[in-house]
Amino acid sequence: MILMASGIALLAVFASTQRAIEARSGTPLVPPALFRDRAFRWALFAVLGLYVSAALQLVFTFYLQVAHGYSALRVALIFLPASFAFVVSSALSARLVAKLGFPLVWGSSIAASVLLAVLPMGLANVAAGAQSILMAGGLVLVGLAQGCVAGPLMAIVMSRVKPAMAGAGSGVLLTGMQLANAIGIALLAGAFFSVADAGSPAAGLIAGLQLAVALSAVLTIPAALVLRKLPTMGAAPSNDAPPLATTGRQVR
C-alpha cells in the first residue's frame, strides 16, 4: 500500500510538472494536450482494460501446478500451442481487419474474455486426465482471438493521435500496457490466492480461478465495448493519417 500511494503521489507530481512546462510554452515529455483528446483517453482506457487479462496466464499456471501438481515443463507445453496461435493470428490480423472490418477487433476481445470466463467451469466438470487437453484447446482459441486484437490495436489507437504528438502517444500507450500487466498480476493473482487459501484445497483453487477470470471479464468486456465506439469519437486528426476500417471498407 505504501508503494502504491507513493506511486500515485509521484504520478501527480509528474503531471503537475508537465503542465507547468506546457504553460511556459516549453516542450513537456508527455504533452498534457494528449489527454485532453477524448478519443485518446478512451483508447488508453480500453488498452488498460484489455491488457489486464494477460495476467491470467500466471493464474492458470498457478492453478495447474498447485491443483494438479503439473511440472513447469508440462504447463509450458500446455501454453505453447496458444502462443503459436497468437503469432499466426497477429500476422494475419491486418489482412483480416481489412477484409472484415473493425468489428473483428472488438468482437475478438469480447470472445477472448468469454472463453477465459467459461474455461474454469469446464475444468471443474471434466475428468482430471482431460483437463490438460481442455486447457490447451481453450487457450488456443483465446490465443487466436487475442492475436486479432493485439495486432491492429496499436494502429487503431495511434490513428486517434495528432501526428505532432505521435511519439509521446506511442510512449504513453506502451507504458499503459506495462502498467496494465502489473495491475493485472496484483489484482487477479491476489484474488486467486485470497480464495484458493480458504476451504478445501480443490474447491478453493477452482473458486479462486473463477474469481480471477470474473474480475478479468469485468475489466475487459467494458474495455472492448469502448474500443467498439472508438471510430465514432471524432474524425481522424489529419488527412495524412491512415484510414480506419470500420465495416470492412476503408473510411474515405
C-alpha atoms as a PDB file:
ATOM      1  CA  MET A   1       0.000   0.000   0.000  1.00  0.00           C
ATOM      2  CA  ILE A   2       2.849   2.380   0.790  1.00  0.00           C
ATOM      3  CA  LEU A   3       4.431   1.757  -2.603  1.00  0.00           C
ATOM      4  CA  MET A   4       1.081   2.223  -4.365  1.00  0.00           C
ATOM      5  CA  ALA A   5       0.424   5.505  -2.552  1.00  0.00           C
ATOM      6  CA  SER A   6       3.954   6.680  -3.334  1.00  0.00           C
ATOM      7  CA  GLY A   7       3.484   5.825  -6.997  1.00  0.00           C
ATOM      8  CA  ILE A   8       0.233   7.807  -7.194  1.00  0.00           C
ATOM      9  CA  ALA A   9       1.890  10.784  -5.485  1.00  0.00           C
ATOM     10  CA  LEU A  10       4.852  10.712  -7.872  1.00  0.00           C
ATOM     11  CA  LEU A  11       2.486  10.470 -10.842  1.00  0.00           C
ATOM     12  CA  ALA A  12       0.632  13.556  -9.599  1.00  0.00           C
ATOM     13  CA  VAL A  13       3.925  15.444  -9.239  1.00  0.00           C
ATOM     14  CA  PHE A  14       4.976  14.412 -12.742  1.00  0.00           C
ATOM     15  CA  ALA A  15       1.636  15.533 -14.223  1.00  0.00           C
ATOM     16  CA  SER A  16       1.909  18.887 -12.440  1.00  0.00           C
ATOM     17  CA  THR A  17       5.445  19.342 -13.752  1.00  0.00           C
ATOM     18  CA  GLN A  18       4.376  18.600 -17.324  1.00  0.00           C
ATOM     19  CA  ARG A  19       1.514  21.118 -17.107  1.00  0.00           C
ATOM     20  CA  ALA A  20       3.897  23.759 -15.778  1.00  0.00           C
ATOM     21  CA  ILE A  21       6.328  23.177 -18.654  1.00  0.00           C
ATOM     22  CA  GLU A  22       3.479  23.408 -21.171  1.00  0.00           C
ATOM     23  CA  ALA A  23       2.239  26.650 -19.542  1.00  0.00           C
ATOM     24  CA  ARG A  24       5.710  28.175 -20.080  1.00  0.00           C
ATOM     25  CA  SER A  25       5.494  27.230 -23.774  1.00  0.00           C
ATOM     26  CA  GLY A  26       8.116  24.563 -23.242  1.00  0.00           C
ATOM     27  CA  THR A  27       8.212  21.030 -24.588  1.00  0.00           C
ATOM     28  CA  PRO A  28       6.947  18.555 -21.984  1.00  0.00           C
ATOM     29  CA  LEU A  29       7.966  14.912 -22.157  1.00  0.00           C
ATOM     30  CA  VAL A  30       4.289  13.906 -22.113  1.00  0.00           C
ATOM     31  CA  PRO A  31       2.150  16.745 -23.521  1.00  0.00           C
ATOM     32  CA  PRO A  32      -0.938  17.288 -21.319  1.00  0.00           C
ATOM     33  CA  ALA A  33      -2.802  18.155 -24.520  1.00  0.00           C
ATOM     34  CA  LEU A  34      -2.633  14.464 -25.359  1.00  0.00           C
ATOM     35  CA  PHE A  35      -5.023  13.681 -22.515  1.00  0.00           C
ATOM     36  CA  ARG A  36      -7.392  16.467 -23.471  1.00  0.00           C
ATOM     37  CA  ASP A  37      -8.205  14.424 -26.565  1.00  0.00           C
ATOM     38  CA  ARG A  38     -11.353  12.463 -25.660  1.00  0.00           C
ATOM     39  CA  ALA A  39     -10.685   9.707 -28.169  1.00  0.00           C
ATOM     40  CA  PHE A  40      -7.172   9.090 -26.854  1.00  0.00           C
ATOM     41  CA  ARG A  41      -8.353   8.993 -23.231  1.00  0.00           C
ATOM     42  CA  TRP A  42     -10.926   6.337 -24.021  1.00  0.00           C
ATOM     43  CA  ALA A  43      -8.483   4.439 -26.211  1.00  0.00           C
ATOM     44  CA  LEU A  44      -5.997   4.349 -23.339  1.00  0.00           C
ATOM     45  CA  PHE A  45      -8.742   3.098 -21.013  1.00  0.00           C
ATOM     46  CA  ALA A  46      -9.524   0.325 -23.488  1.00  0.00           C
ATOM     47  CA  VAL A  47      -5.873  -0.710 -23.682  1.00  0.00           C
ATOM     48  CA  LEU A  48      -5.557  -0.781 -19.886  1.00  0.00           C
ATOM     49  CA  GLY A  49      -8.671  -2.908 -19.556  1.00  0.00           C
ATOM     50  CA  LEU A  50      -7.732  -5.367 -22.269  1.00  0.00           C
ATOM     51  CA  TYR A  51      -4.143  -5.923 -21.141  1.00  0.00           C
ATOM     52  CA  VAL A  52      -5.111  -6.679 -17.536  1.00  0.00           C
ATOM     53  CA  SER A  53      -6.273 -10.104 -18.726  1.00  0.00           C
ATOM     54  CA  ALA A  54      -2.700 -11.041 -19.703  1.00  0.00           C
ATOM     55  CA  ALA A  55      -2.122 -11.796 -16.014  1.00  0.00           C
ATOM     56  CA  LEU A  56      -4.496 -14.754 -16.281  1.00  0.00           C
ATOM     57  CA  GLN A  57      -1.649 -16.743 -17.806  1.00  0.00           C
ATOM     58  CA  LEU A  58       0.100 -16.527 -14.441  1.00  0.00           C
ATOM     59  CA  VAL A  59      -3.101 -17.501 -12.605  1.00  0.00           C
ATOM     60  CA  PHE A  60      -3.680 -20.520 -14.855  1.00  0.00           C
ATOM     61  CA  THR A  61      -0.067 -21.547 -14.303  1.00  0.00           C
ATOM     62  CA  PHE A  62      -0.536 -21.396 -10.528  1.00  0.00           C
ATOM     63  CA  TYR A  63      -3.720 -23.430 -10.801  1.00  0.00           C
ATOM     64  CA  LEU A  64      -2.229 -26.217 -12.900  1.00  0.00           C
ATOM     65  CA  GLN A  65       0.895 -26.515 -10.790  1.00  0.00           C
ATOM     66  CA  VAL A  66      -0.791 -26.313  -7.369  1.00  0.00           C
ATOM     67  CA  ALA A  67      -4.093 -28.106  -8.057  1.00  0.00           C
ATOM     68  CA  HIS A  68      -2.741 -30.880 -10.285  1.00  0.00           C
ATOM     69  CA  GLY A  69       0.937 -30.957  -9.471  1.00  0.00           C
ATOM     70  CA  TYR A  70       1.977 -30.306 -13.070  1.00  0.00           C
ATOM     71  CA  SER A  71       5.635 -29.587 -13.645  1.00  0.00           C
ATOM     72  CA  ALA A  72       6.735 -26.272 -15.114  1.00  0.00           C
ATOM     73  CA  LEU A  73       7.595 -28.071 -18.360  1.00  0.00           C
ATOM     74  CA  ARG A  74       4.130 -29.614 -18.665  1.00  0.00           C
ATOM     75  CA  VAL A  75       2.445 -26.269 -18.071  1.00  0.00           C
ATOM     76  CA  ALA A  76       4.697 -24.668 -20.674  1.00  0.00           C
ATOM     77  CA  LEU A  77       3.692 -27.329 -23.203  1.00  0.00           C
ATOM     78  CA  ILE A  78       0.012 -26.643 -22.469  1.00  0.00           C
ATOM     79  CA  PHE A  79       0.555 -22.937 -23.209  1.00  0.00           C
ATOM     80  CA  LEU A  80       2.792 -23.476 -26.241  1.00  0.00           C
ATOM     81  CA  PRO A  81       0.038 -24.090 -28.861  1.00  0.00           C
ATOM     82  CA  ALA A  82      -1.719 -20.907 -27.712  1.00  0.00           C
ATOM     83  CA  SER A  83       1.494 -18.946 -28.308  1.00  0.00           C
ATOM     84  CA  PHE A  84       1.711 -20.252 -31.878  1.00  0.00           C
ATOM     85  CA  ALA A  85      -1.973 -19.431 -32.416  1.00  0.00           C
ATOM     86  CA  PHE A  86      -1.378 -15.897 -31.167  1.00  0.00           C
ATOM     87  CA  VAL A  87       1.588 -15.384 -33.510  1.00  0.00           C
ATOM     88  CA  VAL A  88      -0.340 -16.687 -36.533  1.00  0.00           C
ATOM     89  CA  SER A  89      -3.470 -14.603 -35.908  1.00  0.00           C
ATOM     90  CA  SER A  90      -1.361 -11.494 -35.183  1.00  0.00           C
ATOM     91  CA  ALA A  91       0.438 -11.928 -38.501  1.00  0.00           C
ATOM     92  CA  LEU A  92      -2.865 -12.290 -40.346  1.00  0.00           C
ATOM     93  CA  SER A  93      -4.753  -9.639 -38.387  1.00  0.00           C
ATOM     94  CA  ALA A  94      -4.052  -6.732 -40.747  1.00  0.00           C
ATOM     95  CA  ARG A  95      -5.462  -8.653 -43.712  1.00  0.00           C
ATOM     96  CA  LEU A  96      -8.416  -9.890 -41.680  1.00  0.00           C
ATOM     97  CA  VAL A  97      -9.283  -6.403 -40.439  1.00  0.00           C
ATOM     98  CA  ALA A  98      -9.024  -5.031 -43.989  1.00  0.00           C
ATOM     99  CA  LYS A  99     -11.491  -7.687 -45.134  1.00  0.00           C
ATOM    100  CA  LEU A 100     -13.855  -7.986 -42.167  1.00  0.00           C
ATOM    101  CA  GLY A 101     -13.537  -4.521 -40.666  1.00  0.00           C
ATOM    102  CA  PHE A 102     -13.136  -3.053 -37.213  1.00  0.00           C
ATOM    103  CA  PRO A 103     -15.814  -5.307 -35.599  1.00  0.00           C
ATOM    104  CA  LEU A 104     -13.292  -8.145 -35.803  1.00  0.00           C
ATOM    105  CA  VAL A 105     -11.080  -6.352 -33.259  1.00  0.00           C
ATOM    106  CA  TRP A 106     -13.602  -5.584 -30.538  1.00  0.00           C
ATOM    107  CA  GLY A 107     -15.518  -8.806 -31.235  1.00  0.00           C
ATOM    108  CA  SER A 108     -12.345 -10.847 -30.765  1.00  0.00           C
ATOM    109  CA  SER A 109     -11.604  -9.102 -27.467  1.00  0.00           C
ATOM    110  CA  ILE A 110     -15.069  -9.997 -26.162  1.00  0.00           C
ATOM    111  CA  ALA A 111     -14.714 -13.568 -27.441  1.00  0.00           C
ATOM    112  CA  ALA A 112     -11.394 -13.965 -25.604  1.00  0.00           C
ATOM    113  CA  SER A 113     -12.946 -12.675 -22.365  1.00  0.00           C
ATOM    114  CA  VAL A 114     -15.905 -15.046 -22.641  1.00  0.00           C
ATOM    115  CA  LEU A 115     -13.660 -18.023 -23.399  1.00  0.00           C
ATOM    116  CA  LEU A 116     -11.474 -17.266 -20.392  1.00  0.00           C
ATOM    117  CA  ALA A 117     -14.577 -16.955 -18.202  1.00  0.00           C
ATOM    118  CA  VAL A 118     -16.027 -20.268 -19.389  1.00  0.00           C
ATOM    119  CA  LEU A 119     -12.786 -22.251 -19.182  1.00  0.00           C
ATOM    120  CA  PRO A 120     -12.744 -22.693 -15.364  1.00  0.00           C
ATOM    121  CA  MET A 121     -16.275 -24.077 -15.450  1.00  0.00           C
ATOM    122  CA  GLY A 122     -15.151 -26.665 -17.964  1.00  0.00           C
ATOM    123  CA  LEU A 123     -12.143 -27.584 -15.840  1.00  0.00           C
ATOM    124  CA  ALA A 124     -14.413 -28.170 -12.843  1.00  0.00           C
ATOM    125  CA  ASN A 125     -16.614 -30.626 -14.752  1.00  0.00           C
ATOM    126  CA  VAL A 126     -14.204 -32.876 -16.652  1.00  0.00           C
ATOM    127  CA  ALA A 127     -12.038 -35.752 -15.558  1.00  0.00           C
ATOM    128  CA  ALA A 128      -8.569 -34.892 -14.303  1.00  0.00           C
ATOM    129  CA  GLY A 129      -6.910 -36.574 -17.278  1.00  0.00           C
ATOM    130  CA  ALA A 130      -8.845 -34.445 -19.758  1.00  0.00           C
ATOM    131  CA  GLN A 131      -8.091 -31.101 -18.144  1.00  0.00           C
ATOM    132  CA  SER A 132      -4.766 -30.669 -19.939  1.00  0.00           C
ATOM    133  CA  ILE A 133      -6.448 -31.165 -23.334  1.00  0.00           C
ATOM    134  CA  LEU A 134      -9.317 -28.826 -22.454  1.00  0.00           C
ATOM    135  CA  MET A 135      -6.947 -26.158 -21.172  1.00  0.00           C
ATOM    136  CA  ALA A 136      -4.665 -26.372 -24.215  1.00  0.00           C
ATOM    137  CA  GLY A 137      -7.587 -26.282 -26.660  1.00  0.00           C
ATOM    138  CA  GLY A 138      -9.306 -23.418 -24.878  1.00  0.00           C
ATOM    139  CA  LEU A 139      -6.122 -21.384 -24.731  1.00  0.00           C
ATOM    140  CA  VAL A 140      -5.556 -21.912 -28.467  1.00  0.00           C
ATOM    141  CA  LEU A 141      -8.933 -20.282 -29.152  1.00  0.00           C
ATOM    142  CA  VAL A 142      -8.068 -17.474 -26.739  1.00  0.00           C
ATOM    143  CA  GLY A 143      -4.707 -17.004 -28.468  1.00  0.00           C
ATOM    144  CA  LEU A 144      -6.377 -16.745 -31.874  1.00  0.00           C
ATOM    145  CA  ALA A 145      -8.822 -14.135 -30.580  1.00  0.00           C
ATOM    146  CA  GLN A 146      -6.183 -12.113 -28.728  1.00  0.00           C
ATOM    147  CA  GLY A 147      -3.923 -12.057 -31.774  1.00  0.00           C
ATOM    148  CA  CYS A 148      -6.697 -10.381 -33.762  1.00  0.00           C
ATOM    149  CA  VAL A 149      -6.761  -7.655 -31.110  1.00  0.00           C
ATOM    150  CA  ALA A 150      -3.081  -7.136 -30.299  1.00  0.00           C
ATOM    151  CA  GLY A 151      -2.004  -6.868 -33.937  1.00  0.00           C
ATOM    152  CA  PRO A 152      -4.180  -3.903 -35.022  1.00  0.00           C
ATOM    153  CA  LEU A 153      -4.607  -2.308 -31.580  1.00  0.00           C
ATOM    154  CA  MET A 154      -1.574  -0.003 -31.751  1.00  0.00           C
ATOM    155  CA  ALA A 155      -2.521   1.275 -35.211  1.00  0.00           C
ATOM    156  CA  ILE A 156      -6.135   1.787 -34.156  1.00  0.00           C
ATOM    157  CA  VAL A 157      -5.230   3.795 -31.078  1.00  0.00           C
ATOM    158  CA  MET A 158      -2.490   5.796 -32.788  1.00  0.00           C
ATOM    159  CA  SER A 159      -4.879   6.746 -35.591  1.00  0.00           C
ATOM    160  CA  ARG A 160      -6.617   8.917 -32.987  1.00  0.00           C
ATOM    161  CA  VAL A 161      -3.420  10.837 -32.102  1.00  0.00           C
ATOM    162  CA  LYS A 162      -2.315  14.015 -33.847  1.00  0.00           C
ATOM    163  CA  PRO A 163       0.866  13.402 -35.885  1.00  0.00           C
ATOM    164  CA  ALA A 164       2.791  16.030 -33.876  1.00  0.00           C
ATOM    165  CA  MET A 165       2.197  14.006 -30.696  1.00  0.00           C
ATOM    166  CA  ALA A 166       2.668  10.532 -32.177  1.00  0.00           C
ATOM    167  CA  GLY A 167       5.937   9.867 -30.328  1.00  0.00           C
ATOM    168  CA  ALA A 168       4.510  10.823 -26.936  1.00  0.00           C
ATOM    169  CA  GLY A 169       1.292   8.977 -27.687  1.00  0.00           C
ATOM    170  CA  SER A 170       3.054   5.714 -28.506  1.00  0.00           C
ATOM    171  CA  GLY A 171       5.200   6.034 -25.370  1.00  0.00           C
ATOM    172  CA  VAL A 172       2.144   6.557 -23.160  1.00  0.00           C
ATOM    173  CA  LEU A 173       0.404   3.640 -24.847  1.00  0.00           C
ATOM    174  CA  LEU A 174       3.291   1.235 -24.293  1.00  0.00           C
ATOM    175  CA  THR A 175       3.641   2.398 -20.697  1.00  0.00           C
ATOM    176  CA  GLY A 176      -0.077   1.791 -20.238  1.00  0.00           C
ATOM    177  CA  MET A 177       0.297  -1.759 -21.499  1.00  0.00           C
ATOM    178  CA  GLN A 178       3.067  -2.471 -18.992  1.00  0.00           C
ATOM    179  CA  LEU A 179       1.062  -0.837 -16.214  1.00  0.00           C
ATOM    180  CA  ALA A 180      -1.979  -2.938 -17.078  1.00  0.00           C
ATOM    181  CA  ASN A 181       0.109  -6.117 -16.898  1.00  0.00           C
ATOM    182  CA  ALA A 182       1.403  -5.147 -13.451  1.00  0.00           C
ATOM    183  CA  ILE A 183      -2.079  -4.236 -12.192  1.00  0.00           C
ATOM    184  CA  GLY A 184      -3.452  -7.477 -13.577  1.00  0.00           C
ATOM    185  CA  ILE A 185      -0.840  -9.576 -11.793  1.00  0.00           C
ATOM    186  CA  ALA A 186      -1.504  -7.821  -8.481  1.00  0.00           C
ATOM    187  CA  LEU A 187      -5.295  -7.871  -8.815  1.00  0.00           C
ATOM    188  CA  LEU A 188      -6.006 -11.234 -10.429  1.00  0.00           C
ATOM    189  CA  ALA A 189      -3.297 -13.251  -8.676  1.00  0.00           C
ATOM    190  CA  GLY A 190      -4.265 -11.619  -5.394  1.00  0.00           C
ATOM    191  CA  ALA A 191      -7.911 -12.576  -5.908  1.00  0.00           C
ATOM    192  CA  PHE A 192      -6.936 -16.134  -6.824  1.00  0.00           C
ATOM    193  CA  PHE A 193      -4.835 -16.716  -3.729  1.00  0.00           C
ATOM    194  CA  SER A 194      -7.275 -14.956  -1.388  1.00  0.00           C
ATOM    195  CA  VAL A 195      -9.888 -17.600  -2.222  1.00  0.00           C
ATOM    196  CA  ALA A 196      -7.587 -20.543  -3.007  1.00  0.00           C
ATOM    197  CA  ASP A 197      -6.126 -20.476   0.503  1.00  0.00           C
ATOM    198  CA  ALA A 198      -9.578 -20.819   2.097  1.00  0.00           C
ATOM    199  CA  GLY A 199     -11.608 -24.019   2.450  1.00  0.00           C
ATOM    200  CA  SER A 200     -10.713 -27.378   0.920  1.00  0.00           C
ATOM    201  CA  PRO A 201      -7.737 -27.264  -1.479  1.00  0.00           C
ATOM    202  CA  ALA A 202      -9.544 -28.481  -4.617  1.00  0.00           C
ATOM    203  CA  ALA A 203     -12.668 -26.353  -4.161  1.00  0.00           C
ATOM    204  CA  GLY A 204     -10.649 -23.323  -3.095  1.00  0.00           C
ATOM    205  CA  LEU A 205      -8.387 -23.446  -6.130  1.00  0.00           C
ATOM    206  CA  ILE A 206     -11.205 -23.695  -8.664  1.00  0.00           C
ATOM    207  CA  ALA A 207     -13.138 -20.960  -6.822  1.00  0.00           C
ATOM    208  CA  GLY A 208     -10.049 -18.747  -6.900  1.00  0.00           C
ATOM    209  CA  LEU A 209      -9.665 -19.349 -10.619  1.00  0.00           C
ATOM    210  CA  GLN A 210     -13.319 -18.497 -11.233  1.00  0.00           C
ATOM    211  CA  LEU A 211     -12.984 -15.270  -9.239  1.00  0.00           C
ATOM    212  CA  ALA A 212      -9.870 -14.233 -11.164  1.00  0.00           C
ATOM    213  CA  VAL A 213     -11.483 -14.746 -14.579  1.00  0.00           C
ATOM    214  CA  ALA A 214     -14.654 -12.989 -13.418  1.00  0.00           C
ATOM    215  CA  LEU A 215     -12.642  -9.933 -12.370  1.00  0.00           C
ATOM    216  CA  SER A 216     -10.814 -10.030 -15.688  1.00  0.00           C
ATOM    217  CA  ALA A 217     -14.119 -10.116 -17.580  1.00  0.00           C
ATOM    218  CA  VAL A 218     -15.454  -7.167 -15.545  1.00  0.00           C
ATOM    219  CA  LEU A 219     -12.499  -5.119 -16.817  1.00  0.00           C
ATOM    220  CA  THR A 220     -12.019  -6.427 -20.344  1.00  0.00           C
ATOM    221  CA  ILE A 221     -15.603  -6.534 -21.629  1.00  0.00           C
ATOM    222  CA  PRO A 222     -16.294  -2.820 -20.903  1.00  0.00           C
ATOM    223  CA  ALA A 223     -12.916  -2.020 -22.453  1.00  0.00           C
ATOM    224  CA  ALA A 224     -13.914  -3.940 -25.580  1.00  0.00           C
ATOM    225  CA  LEU A 225     -17.189  -2.026 -25.777  1.00  0.00           C
ATOM    226  CA  VAL A 226     -15.253   1.251 -25.510  1.00  0.00           C
ATOM    227  CA  LEU A 227     -12.989   0.044 -28.304  1.00  0.00           C
ATOM    228  CA  ARG A 228     -16.114  -0.593 -30.383  1.00  0.00           C
ATOM    229  CA  LYS A 229     -17.092   3.075 -30.075  1.00  0.00           C
ATOM    230  CA  LEU A 230     -13.630   4.444 -30.792  1.00  0.00           C
ATOM    231  CA  PRO A 231     -14.068   5.068 -34.563  1.00  0.00           C
ATOM    232  CA  THR A 232     -17.055   7.355 -33.847  1.00  0.00           C
ATOM    233  CA  MET A 233     -15.153   9.587 -31.376  1.00  0.00           C
ATOM    234  CA  GLY A 234     -14.245  12.362 -33.759  1.00  0.00           C
ATOM    235  CA  ALA A 235     -12.568  12.413 -37.133  1.00  0.00           C
ATOM    236  CA  ALA A 236      -9.014  11.368 -37.781  1.00  0.00           C
ATOM    237  CA  PRO A 237      -6.629  14.168 -36.762  1.00  0.00           C
ATOM    238  CA  SER A 238      -5.099  14.638 -40.168  1.00  0.00           C
ATOM    239  CA  ASN A 239      -5.823  13.826 -43.782  1.00  0.00           C
ATOM    240  CA  ASP A 240      -2.452  12.105 -43.804  1.00  0.00           C
ATOM    241  CA  ALA A 241      -3.475   9.682 -41.038  1.00  0.00           C
ATOM    242  CA  PRO A 242      -4.248   6.176 -42.221  1.00  0.00           C
ATOM    243  CA  PRO A 243      -7.961   5.426 -42.664  1.00  0.00           C
ATOM    244  CA  LEU A 244      -9.538   3.146 -40.105  1.00  0.00           C
ATOM    245  CA  ALA A 245     -11.626   0.244 -41.336  1.00  0.00           C
ATOM    246  CA  THR A 246     -14.945   0.032 -39.512  1.00  0.00           C
ATOM    247  CA  THR A 247     -17.165  -2.112 -41.677  1.00  0.00           C
ATOM    248  CA  GLY A 248     -14.752  -3.983 -43.903  1.00  0.00           C
ATOM    249  CA  ARG A 249     -14.097  -0.998 -46.149  1.00  0.00           C
ATOM    250  CA  GLN A 250     -11.840   1.969 -45.588  1.00  0.00           C
ATOM    251  CA  VAL A 251     -13.420   5.179 -44.406  1.00  0.00           C
ATOM    252  CA  ARG A 252     -12.990   7.870 -47.013  1.00  0.00           C
END
